[in-house]
Amino acid sequence: MKNGPLISVIITSYNSEKFIKKSVNSVIKQSYQNIEIIIVDDCSTDKTLEILQQLKKKYFFKIIKLNQNSGTPGKPRNIGIENSRGKIIAFLDADDYWHQNKLSLQIQKYKKNQINCLNTEYFDKNNKKTPFIIHLFRSFMINFFTFLINRKKSLIFLFNPVVLSSVIINKSVFSKIKFSEKRNIAGIEDLLMWFRIISESSYNINFINKTLVRNFKRKKSLHSDYFFQIIKSINIISNLKLENKIKATNFLIIITILIKLCREVLKFFFIKIIIFKKIILISLSIIYFFVFYSPLFNYLGKPLLYFDNDINLKKNSELVVVNTNYGYDKYFNFGFSYRLNDLISNKYNFDSKKILLLGSEKYIPQKLILKGLLINNGFESNNITIVLDELKSKKDEILFLLNYSKKNNYNIITYYTSPYNTKLTKKVLDKYNDIDIKINILKSSDWPKDTHPYFKRFSYKKMIIIEYFKFFLFKINSLYS
């Protein structure tokens, strides 16, 4: 296509011998042909210029060589713009390249007072593309922030949707606004340029969601040190705020800086996950196995176990207490059946004894079921009492039990609870039992075995974690009471 306005393509290069040929060829082979190519070399010390001279024997383009390295892409771009003839400027970094229909598509959708840009695809030195999920997410972010930035210009510092190598823009905008040539913002000079254009010239961003640019990510380049770029961005935002050129509250600026930092940290870890995904997957599989299908939690739970082996106390007990306040709802769904079995298996000892169903108020329906089952198994209804008080902690429960026993003259008590709640019960009893009531904590019917086999799922992980946490709280409270 030769009809249409002249587009001046500005390519800046510095030590780009590995990429420059592919980059230039991608412009030469554009289906839109009304173009001029201006290559500004920033005093390369490799074979970049030699390769360009060889290409120039076949194709016509202009080469401008700087005698001294500028240390920033801003100066070569400004020189390229000054030496251009086209009404429209396109930019291309020497390590990026275009799809052959890039300019053709953009010129069809070109809008004069807008930054016209495309989606891009990133690749590394091994020609590996950005993972599809990341590319999809980035496309969403670009569309989302383009919409926001066109309404609130300063949000471009939060997320920059404009990739330089995808841009075509009216040359007239550069008559008043130039790329910054300051070295202290090298690497984000394009970000400052886009902000100045959209704020000072009232441009919007015209984003076309077509991936027609491939953008190379070098480990060592002015644009690759993201954390250093964030520091530079903070410096720019601060200066613009002081010069009253950015209309944003201090709160918004702080949030912007924090989000940029968080974004780069998350990006860093996500990239590491992608790189080491096999190692991470294997490690997670091993951790999963040891957590769910090994004796690990059986071993961790042993310090939480305690029981009294006093048969005489069991026979002579005056009150049998069944604790249902486990702090773990899932366990109660099957735990009360264990407590039922505990009582039925010892019916000859407890048949005529008072039974106290102790626990949280929210378990009253289940305790009513448990009482009904006990009655069906021959226990006297008058001997079974359901506690209706709201007992929120082990301390509340033990203090209630001690007061209840003292009030009713019970001196010997048999106590059933979940296995991993027994040690905490013992510790709280030792702290608060100052009236010498004998409480016999018995092994329950779901008492864990001494060993747990590999490849068999362990069921009480969450309960053990909860009990350790409750133990920790008890220790902390004990220090201050």
Protein backbone atom coordinates (compact mmCIF):
# COMPACT_ATOMS: atom_id res chain seq x y z
CA MET A 1 0.00 0.00 0.00
CA LYS A 2 1.58 3.29 -1.16
CA ASN A 3 -1.44 5.57 -0.81
CA GLY A 4 -1.69 7.41 2.46
CA PRO A 5 0.43 9.78 4.53
CA LEU A 6 4.19 9.38 4.82
CA ILE A 7 5.19 7.61 8.01
CA SER A 8 8.67 8.25 9.38
CA VAL A 9 9.91 5.21 11.27
CA ILE A 10 12.50 6.14 13.93
CA ILE A 11 14.77 3.26 14.96
CA THR A 12 17.28 3.90 17.73
CA SER A 13 20.16 1.47 18.16
CA TYR A 14 23.01 0.86 20.56
CA ASN A 15 25.12 -2.31 20.34
CA SER A 16 22.25 -4.13 18.64
CA GLU A 17 24.20 -6.39 16.26
CA LYS A 18 22.11 -9.44 17.24
CA PHE A 19 18.77 -7.81 16.47
CA ILE A 20 19.13 -4.85 14.13
CA LYS A 21 18.88 -6.79 10.86
CA LYS A 22 15.59 -8.46 11.82
CA SER A 23 14.23 -5.18 13.14
CA VAL A 24 15.02 -3.19 9.98
CA ASN A 25 13.76 -5.99 7.70
CA SER A 26 10.44 -6.04 9.53
CA VAL A 27 9.97 -2.37 8.56
CA ILE A 28 11.17 -2.80 4.98
CA LYS A 29 8.68 -5.65 4.45
CA GLN A 30 5.67 -3.69 5.69
CA SER A 31 2.62 -3.99 3.45
CA TYR A 32 2.19 -0.23 3.93
CA GLN A 33 5.01 1.18 1.79
CA ASN A 34 4.76 4.98 2.07
CA ILE A 35 7.45 5.11 4.76
CA GLU A 36 10.90 6.51 5.42
CA ILE A 37 13.31 4.76 7.77
CA ILE A 38 15.64 6.79 9.97
CA ILE A 39 18.11 4.86 12.13
CA VAL A 40 19.89 6.83 14.84
CA ASP A 41 22.85 4.92 16.25
CA ASP A 42 23.94 6.00 19.73
CA CYS A 43 27.67 5.40 19.14
CA SER A 44 27.62 1.59 19.05
CA THR A 45 30.90 -0.21 19.72
CA ASP A 46 29.91 -3.55 18.17
CA LYS A 47 29.09 -4.47 14.53
CA THR A 48 25.73 -2.69 14.41
CA LEU A 49 26.89 -0.04 11.92
CA GLU A 50 28.59 -2.63 9.69
CA ILE A 51 25.34 -4.60 9.45
CA LEU A 52 23.40 -1.41 8.68
CA GLN A 53 25.83 -0.44 5.93
CA GLN A 54 25.39 -3.89 4.33
CA LEU A 55 21.61 -3.53 4.47
CA LYS A 56 21.81 -0.05 2.96
CA LYS A 57 23.34 -1.51 -0.21
CA LYS A 58 19.99 -3.23 -0.87
CA TYR A 59 17.51 -0.81 0.69
CA PHE A 60 17.26 2.92 1.06
CA PHE A 61 17.18 4.38 4.57
CA LYS A 62 18.93 7.12 6.49
CA ILE A 63 21.63 6.40 9.11
CA ILE A 64 22.56 9.04 11.67
CA LYS A 65 25.56 8.19 13.85
CA LEU A 66 26.15 10.03 17.12
CA ASN A 67 29.80 10.70 17.92
CA GLN A 68 29.27 10.23 21.65
CA ASN A 69 26.95 7.91 23.52
CA SER A 70 24.07 9.91 25.01
CA GLY A 71 23.29 7.40 27.79
CA THR A 72 19.56 7.79 27.15
CA PRO A 73 17.21 6.80 24.29
CA GLY A 74 15.58 10.26 24.49
CA LYS A 75 18.28 12.14 22.55
CA PRO A 76 18.49 9.72 19.54
CA ARG A 77 14.68 9.79 19.24
CA ASN A 78 14.58 13.57 19.29
CA ILE A 79 17.29 13.69 16.58
CA GLY A 80 15.34 11.16 14.51
CA ILE A 81 12.15 13.23 14.78
CA GLU A 82 14.02 16.44 13.80
CA ASN A 83 15.38 14.74 10.67
CA SER A 84 12.05 13.18 9.61
CA ARG A 85 9.80 14.29 6.74
CA GLY A 86 6.62 12.36 7.52
CA LYS A 87 3.47 13.79 9.08
CA ILE A 88 3.22 10.65 11.20
CA ILE A 89 5.98 9.25 13.42
CA ALA A 90 6.40 5.57 14.30
CA PHE A 91 8.96 4.27 16.78
CA LEU A 92 10.80 0.96 16.87
CA ASP A 93 13.51 -0.16 19.29
CA ALA A 94 16.35 -2.00 17.58
CA ASP A 95 15.65 -5.26 19.43
CA ASP A 96 11.93 -5.35 18.56
CA TYR A 97 10.23 -6.13 15.28
CA TRP A 98 6.84 -5.78 13.55
CA HIS A 99 4.32 -8.00 11.84
CA GLN A 100 4.17 -7.06 8.13
CA ASN A 101 0.63 -5.61 8.43
CA LYS A 102 1.37 -3.51 11.51
CA LEU A 103 1.42 -0.09 9.84
CA SER A 104 -1.32 -0.99 7.38
CA LEU A 105 -3.75 -1.82 10.18
CA GLN A 106 -2.81 1.21 12.26
CA ILE A 107 -3.14 3.70 9.42
CA GLN A 108 -6.69 2.44 8.79
CA LYS A 109 -7.63 3.11 12.43
CA TYR A 110 -5.40 6.14 12.89
CA LYS A 111 -6.72 9.10 14.89
CA LYS A 112 -4.86 12.40 14.67
CA ASN A 113 -4.98 13.66 18.26
CA GLN A 114 -4.35 10.33 19.92
CA ILE A 115 -1.46 8.04 20.85
CA ASN A 116 -2.18 5.11 18.53
CA CYS A 117 -0.76 1.89 19.93
CA LEU A 118 -1.09 -1.89 19.65
CA ASN A 119 -0.79 -4.94 21.84
CA THR A 120 2.63 -6.57 21.99
CA GLU A 121 4.07 -9.99 22.59
CA TYR A 122 7.25 -10.37 24.62
CA PHE A 123 10.00 -12.88 23.92
CA ASP A 124 13.40 -13.69 25.39
CA LYS A 125 16.83 -14.60 24.00
CA ASN A 126 15.65 -18.19 23.43
CA ASN A 127 12.66 -16.87 21.43
CA LYS A 128 10.27 -18.06 24.14
CA LYS A 129 6.99 -16.18 24.17
CA THR A 130 5.25 -14.79 27.23
CA PRO A 131 2.99 -17.48 28.76
CA PHE A 132 -0.56 -17.23 27.41
CA ILE A 133 -2.11 -16.52 30.83
CA ILE A 134 0.25 -13.57 31.42
CA HIS A 135 -0.40 -12.24 27.90
CA LEU A 136 -4.17 -12.52 28.44
CA PHE A 137 -3.98 -10.80 31.82
CA ARG A 138 -1.78 -8.03 30.42
CA SER A 139 -4.26 -7.46 27.55
CA PHE A 140 -7.04 -7.06 30.09
CA MET A 141 -4.95 -4.62 32.13
CA ILE A 142 -4.10 -2.55 29.05
CA ASN A 143 -7.76 -2.23 28.03
CA PHE A 144 -8.83 -1.48 31.58
CA PHE A 145 -6.18 1.17 32.23
CA THR A 146 -6.56 2.76 28.79
CA PHE A 147 -10.19 3.38 29.72
CA LEU A 148 -9.17 4.85 33.11
CA ILE A 149 -6.24 6.92 31.84
CA ASN A 150 -8.39 8.56 29.17
CA ARG A 151 -10.44 9.89 32.09
CA LYS A 152 -7.73 10.42 34.72
CA LYS A 153 -4.38 11.17 33.06
CA SER A 154 -2.15 10.67 36.12
CA LEU A 155 -3.16 6.99 36.36
CA ILE A 156 -0.62 6.29 33.60
CA PHE A 157 2.00 6.24 36.37
CA LEU A 158 0.14 3.33 37.95
CA PHE A 159 0.16 1.26 34.75
CA ASN A 160 1.58 2.31 31.39
CA PRO A 161 -0.38 0.63 28.56
CA VAL A 162 1.69 2.22 25.78
CA VAL A 163 4.64 0.27 24.36
CA LEU A 164 6.89 2.58 22.34
CA SER A 165 7.53 0.14 19.48
CA SER A 166 3.77 -0.08 18.83
CA VAL A 167 3.12 3.69 18.59
CA ILE A 168 2.25 5.88 15.63
CA ILE A 169 1.49 9.53 16.37
CA ASN A 170 1.14 12.89 14.65
CA LYS A 171 4.51 14.61 14.28
CA SER A 172 3.10 18.02 15.21
CA VAL A 173 2.87 17.02 18.88
CA PHE A 174 6.69 17.01 19.05
CA SER A 175 6.96 20.68 18.11
CA LYS A 176 6.37 21.58 21.77
CA ILE A 177 7.11 18.31 23.61
CA LYS A 178 10.41 16.44 23.38
CA PHE A 179 11.68 13.20 24.86
CA SER A 180 13.60 13.93 28.05
CA GLU A 181 17.37 13.66 27.59
CA LYS A 182 18.11 13.49 31.31
CA ARG A 183 20.09 10.41 32.25
CA ASN A 184 18.41 10.06 35.63
CA ILE A 185 15.13 9.03 33.97
CA ALA A 186 16.61 6.90 31.18
CA GLY A 187 14.42 3.84 30.79
CA ILE A 188 11.16 5.62 31.61
CA GLU A 189 11.54 8.65 29.33
CA ASP A 190 8.70 7.28 27.18
CA LEU A 191 6.38 7.13 30.22
CA LEU A 192 7.04 10.82 30.94
CA MET A 193 6.53 11.62 27.25
CA TRP A 194 3.12 9.90 27.12
CA PHE A 195 2.02 11.69 30.29
CA ARG A 196 3.04 15.06 28.91
CA ILE A 197 1.30 14.40 25.59
CA ILE A 198 -2.00 13.30 27.12
CA SER A 199 -1.98 16.08 29.74
CA GLU A 200 -0.46 19.05 27.88
CA SER A 201 -1.85 18.33 24.39
CA SER A 202 -5.15 16.75 25.53
CA TYR A 203 -4.45 13.53 23.63
CA ASN A 204 -6.14 10.22 24.45
CA ILE A 205 -4.79 6.71 24.01
CA ASN A 206 -6.19 4.79 21.04
CA PHE A 207 -5.40 1.15 21.84
CA ILE A 208 -6.00 -1.52 19.19
CA ASN A 209 -6.03 -5.00 20.69
CA LYS A 210 -4.03 -6.64 17.91
CA THR A 211 -0.69 -8.27 18.66
CA LEU A 212 1.46 -7.09 15.75
CA VAL A 213 4.64 -6.17 17.65
CA ARG A 214 7.20 -8.49 19.21
CA ASN A 215 9.10 -6.93 22.07
CA PHE A 216 12.40 -8.39 23.20
CA LYS A 217 13.19 -8.44 26.91
CA ARG A 218 16.90 -8.18 27.59
CA LYS A 219 18.23 -8.89 31.08
CA LYS A 220 20.56 -5.90 30.85
CA SER A 221 18.92 -2.87 29.29
CA LEU A 222 17.64 0.54 30.33
CA HIS A 223 14.11 -0.86 30.54
CA SER A 224 14.80 -4.17 32.27
CA ASP A 225 15.58 -3.01 35.81
CA TYR A 226 11.98 -2.64 37.01
CA PHE A 227 12.77 -1.72 40.59
CA PHE A 228 15.14 1.01 39.43
CA GLN A 229 12.42 2.25 37.08
CA ILE A 230 10.00 2.47 40.02
CA ILE A 231 12.45 4.70 41.89
CA LYS A 232 12.72 6.89 38.80
CA SER A 233 8.91 6.96 38.49
CA ILE A 234 8.59 8.10 42.10
CA ASN A 235 11.08 10.87 41.35
CA ILE A 236 9.09 12.00 38.29
CA ILE A 237 5.75 11.91 40.14
CA SER A 238 7.22 13.91 43.03
CA ASN A 239 8.66 16.58 40.72
CA LEU A 240 5.43 16.86 38.71
CA LYS A 241 3.46 17.21 41.94
CA LEU A 242 5.79 19.95 43.21
CA GLU A 243 5.51 21.75 39.86
CA ASN A 244 1.71 21.39 40.07
CA LYS A 245 1.66 19.58 36.72
CA ILE A 246 -0.09 16.51 38.06
CA LYS A 247 -3.58 16.82 39.50
CA ALA A 248 -3.63 13.99 42.01
CA THR A 249 -4.02 13.85 45.78
CA ASN A 250 -1.11 12.80 47.98
CA PHE A 251 -3.12 9.73 48.93
CA LEU A 252 -3.50 8.70 45.27
CA ILE A 253 0.22 9.22 44.67
CA ILE A 254 1.14 7.06 47.68
CA ILE A 255 -1.30 4.33 46.60
CA THR A 256 0.14 4.47 43.07
CA ILE A 257 3.69 4.01 44.37
CA LEU A 258 2.67 1.13 46.67
CA ILE A 259 0.76 -0.65 43.89
CA LYS A 260 3.70 -0.31 41.51
CA LEU A 261 6.00 -1.81 44.14
CA CYS A 262 3.59 -4.65 44.88
CA ARG A 263 3.11 -5.30 41.19
CA GLU A 264 6.82 -5.68 40.57
CA VAL A 265 7.28 -7.90 43.62
CA LEU A 266 4.43 -10.14 42.45
CA LYS A 267 5.82 -10.14 38.92
CA PHE A 268 9.24 -11.14 40.25
CA PHE A 269 7.81 -14.10 42.19
CA PHE A 270 5.50 -15.12 39.36
CA ILE A 271 8.41 -15.19 36.92
CA LYS A 272 10.41 -17.28 39.39
CA ILE A 273 7.46 -19.67 39.67
CA ILE A 274 7.35 -19.99 35.86
CA ILE A 275 11.11 -20.59 35.67
CA PHE A 276 11.22 -23.11 38.52
CA LYS A 277 7.75 -24.59 38.00
CA LYS A 278 8.99 -28.19 37.83
CA ILE A 279 10.97 -27.88 41.05
CA ILE A 280 8.06 -26.07 42.73
CA LEU A 281 5.56 -28.69 41.53
CA ILE A 282 7.72 -31.54 42.82
CA SER A 283 8.30 -29.72 46.12
CA LEU A 284 4.58 -29.05 46.58
CA SER A 285 3.79 -32.69 45.79
CA ILE A 286 6.29 -33.83 48.45
CA ILE A 287 4.89 -31.34 50.98
CA TYR A 288 1.33 -32.44 50.16
CA PHE A 289 2.28 -36.07 50.67
CA PHE A 290 3.95 -35.45 54.03
CA VAL A 291 1.07 -33.29 55.23
CA PHE A 292 -1.79 -35.54 54.16
CA TYR A 293 -0.39 -39.06 53.72
CA SER A 294 2.37 -39.53 56.28
CA PRO A 295 2.74 -39.93 60.07
CA LEU A 296 3.79 -36.25 60.36
CA PHE A 297 0.64 -34.93 62.04
CA ASN A 298 0.26 -38.09 64.10
CA TYR A 299 3.69 -37.28 65.52
CA LEU A 300 2.92 -33.56 65.92
CA GLY A 301 -0.30 -34.36 67.76
CA LYS A 302 1.29 -36.57 70.45
CA PRO A 303 2.31 -33.67 72.76
CA LEU A 304 -1.38 -32.68 72.88
CA LEU A 305 -2.46 -36.07 74.32
CA TYR A 306 -3.04 -36.76 78.00
CA PHE A 307 -5.07 -39.30 79.99
CA ASP A 308 -5.40 -40.55 83.58
CA ASN A 309 -5.24 -44.31 84.17
CA ASP A 310 -6.96 -44.39 87.56
CA ILE A 311 -9.54 -47.22 87.46
CA ASN A 312 -10.77 -46.51 91.00
CA LEU A 313 -11.61 -42.92 90.13
CA LYS A 314 -13.50 -44.15 87.10
CA LYS A 315 -15.57 -46.58 89.21
CA ASN A 316 -16.18 -44.10 92.01
CA SER A 317 -16.91 -41.05 89.90
CA GLU A 318 -20.01 -39.08 90.83
CA LEU A 319 -20.30 -37.11 87.61
CA VAL A 320 -19.49 -37.96 83.99
CA VAL A 321 -18.70 -34.93 81.84
CA VAL A 322 -18.84 -35.08 78.06
CA ASN A 323 -17.21 -32.08 76.39
CA THR A 324 -18.55 -31.11 72.98
CA ASN A 325 -16.83 -27.73 72.73
CA TYR A 326 -14.13 -28.76 70.23
CA GLY A 327 -13.78 -25.47 68.35
CA TYR A 328 -13.93 -27.50 65.14
CA ASP A 329 -17.42 -28.02 63.71
CA LYS A 330 -16.47 -30.75 61.27
CA TYR A 331 -15.23 -32.95 64.10
CA PHE A 332 -18.48 -32.63 66.02
CA ASN A 333 -20.41 -34.04 63.04
CA PHE A 334 -18.84 -37.42 63.78
CA GLY A 335 -17.22 -36.71 67.18
CA PHE A 336 -20.45 -36.94 69.18
CA SER A 337 -20.82 -40.54 67.96
CA TYR A 338 -17.44 -41.29 69.60
CA ARG A 339 -18.66 -39.71 72.85
CA LEU A 340 -21.80 -41.85 72.61
CA ASN A 341 -19.63 -44.93 72.19
CA ASP A 342 -17.46 -43.83 75.17
CA LEU A 343 -20.52 -43.80 77.43
CA ILE A 344 -22.18 -46.94 76.07
CA SER A 345 -18.96 -48.99 76.34
CA ASN A 346 -18.73 -47.96 80.02
CA LYS A 347 -22.46 -48.22 80.78
CA TYR A 348 -21.85 -50.61 83.69
CA ASN A 349 -19.80 -47.85 85.39
CA PHE A 350 -21.96 -44.87 84.39
CA ASP A 351 -25.50 -46.31 84.32
CA SER A 352 -26.63 -44.57 87.52
CA LYS A 353 -24.23 -41.63 87.36
CA LYS A 354 -25.07 -38.04 86.52
CA ILE A 355 -24.02 -37.13 82.96
CA LEU A 356 -23.24 -33.53 82.03
CA LEU A 357 -23.17 -32.58 78.32
CA LEU A 358 -20.86 -29.60 78.35
CA GLY A 359 -20.02 -27.34 75.43
CA SER A 360 -20.90 -24.42 73.22
CA GLU A 361 -24.43 -23.12 72.94
CA LYS A 362 -24.44 -23.67 69.18
CA TYR A 363 -24.14 -27.44 69.66
CA ILE A 364 -27.40 -27.72 71.64
CA PRO A 365 -29.27 -29.49 68.76
CA GLN A 366 -26.53 -32.13 68.54
CA LYS A 367 -26.48 -32.50 72.32
CA LEU A 368 -30.24 -33.13 72.27
CA ILE A 369 -29.61 -35.88 69.72
CA LEU A 370 -26.86 -37.31 71.91
CA LYS A 371 -29.19 -37.25 74.94
CA GLY A 372 -31.88 -39.05 72.95
CA LEU A 373 -29.45 -41.74 71.84
CA LEU A 374 -28.25 -42.25 75.40
CA ILE A 375 -31.85 -42.68 76.59
CA ASN A 376 -32.46 -45.19 73.78
CA ASN A 377 -29.45 -47.12 75.07
CA GLY A 378 -30.82 -47.39 78.61
CA PHE A 379 -29.50 -44.29 80.35
CA GLU A 380 -31.91 -42.46 82.66
CA SER A 381 -33.23 -39.20 81.21
CA ASN A 382 -33.20 -37.53 84.65
CA ASN A 383 -29.47 -38.23 84.99
CA ILE A 384 -28.57 -36.36 81.77
CA THR A 385 -28.12 -32.58 81.92
CA ILE A 386 -27.44 -30.32 78.94
CA VAL A 387 -25.52 -27.15 79.74
CA LEU A 388 -27.12 -24.13 78.08
CA ASP A 389 -24.51 -21.56 79.14
CA GLU A 390 -22.32 -19.99 76.46
CA LEU A 391 -18.80 -21.24 77.18
CA LYS A 392 -16.36 -19.64 74.76
CA SER A 393 -13.05 -20.97 76.02
CA LYS A 394 -11.49 -23.88 77.89
CA LYS A 395 -11.06 -21.57 80.90
CA ASP A 396 -14.81 -20.72 80.90
CA GLU A 397 -15.63 -24.41 80.60
CA ILE A 398 -13.37 -25.53 83.47
CA LEU A 399 -14.48 -22.71 85.79
CA PHE A 400 -18.11 -23.59 85.09
CA LEU A 401 -17.40 -27.27 85.78
CA LEU A 402 -15.62 -26.53 89.06
CA ASN A 403 -18.40 -24.23 90.28
CA TYR A 404 -21.05 -26.74 89.19
CA SER A 405 -19.26 -29.59 91.02
CA LYS A 406 -18.79 -27.52 94.18
CA LYS A 407 -22.44 -26.46 94.17
CA ASN A 408 -23.65 -30.08 93.76
CA ASN A 409 -20.99 -31.65 96.03
CA TYR A 410 -19.28 -33.68 93.29
CA ASN A 411 -15.73 -34.57 94.30
CA ILE A 412 -14.80 -37.21 91.72
CA ILE A 413 -15.46 -36.56 88.04
CA THR A 414 -14.85 -38.56 84.87
CA TYR A 415 -14.13 -36.39 81.84
CA TYR A 416 -14.36 -37.21 78.11
CA THR A 417 -13.25 -34.93 75.30
CA SER A 418 -11.58 -35.21 71.90
CA PRO A 419 -8.08 -36.74 72.11
CA TYR A 420 -6.17 -33.61 71.10
CA ASN A 421 -8.09 -31.46 73.60
CA THR A 422 -6.95 -33.54 76.61
CA LYS A 423 -3.57 -31.90 77.34
CA LEU A 424 -5.03 -28.40 77.27
CA THR A 425 -7.83 -29.59 79.59
CA LYS A 426 -5.23 -30.93 82.04
CA LYS A 427 -3.20 -27.69 81.97
CA VAL A 428 -6.25 -25.48 82.56
CA LEU A 429 -7.43 -27.78 85.37
CA ASP A 430 -4.03 -27.59 87.08
CA LYS A 431 -4.17 -23.81 86.96
CA TYR A 432 -7.73 -23.26 88.22
CA ASN A 433 -8.62 -26.36 90.33
CA ASP A 434 -7.94 -24.95 93.78
CA ILE A 435 -10.73 -26.88 95.57
CA ASP A 436 -9.16 -30.33 95.14
CA ILE A 437 -11.84 -31.87 92.95
CA LYS A 438 -10.48 -35.05 91.38
CA ILE A 439 -11.06 -35.03 87.61
CA ASN A 440 -10.19 -38.21 85.75
CA ILE A 441 -9.49 -37.56 82.01
CA LEU A 442 -10.03 -40.81 80.12
CA LYS A 443 -8.94 -42.13 76.76
CA SER A 444 -11.73 -41.75 74.20
CA SER A 445 -12.80 -44.36 71.67
CA ASP A 446 -11.17 -42.34 68.86
CA TRP A 447 -7.80 -42.18 70.60
CA PRO A 448 -5.06 -42.13 67.93
CA LYS A 449 -2.78 -45.09 67.45
CA ASP A 450 0.90 -44.87 68.33
CA THR A 451 1.88 -45.06 64.67
CA HIS A 452 0.25 -43.93 61.46
CA PRO A 453 1.12 -45.67 58.16
CA TYR A 454 2.39 -43.89 55.07
CA PHE A 455 -0.03 -43.51 52.13
CA LYS A 456 -3.01 -43.32 54.49
CA ARG A 457 -4.75 -39.98 54.93
CA PHE A 458 -4.59 -38.46 58.42
CA SER A 459 -7.92 -36.91 59.46
CA TYR A 460 -7.17 -34.62 62.40
CA LYS A 461 -4.78 -32.06 60.89
CA LYS A 462 -7.02 -29.03 61.33
CA MET A 463 -7.96 -30.06 64.89
CA ILE A 464 -4.28 -30.35 65.86
CA ILE A 465 -3.51 -26.89 64.40
CA ILE A 466 -6.50 -25.38 66.25
CA GLU A 467 -5.48 -27.01 69.54
CA TYR A 468 -1.91 -25.74 69.23
CA PHE A 469 -3.29 -22.28 68.62
CA LYS A 470 -5.55 -22.55 71.69
CA PHE A 471 -2.56 -23.80 73.69
CA PHE A 472 -0.58 -20.78 72.52
CA LEU A 473 -3.36 -18.39 73.60
CA PHE A 474 -3.55 -20.12 76.99
CA LYS A 475 0.21 -19.66 77.49
CA ILE A 476 0.01 -15.97 76.55
CA ASN A 477 -2.96 -15.39 78.88
CA SER A 478 -1.14 -17.21 81.69
CA LEU A 479 1.73 -14.73 81.46
CA TYR A 480 -0.58 -11.81 82.15
CA SER A 481 -2.89 -13.32 84.74
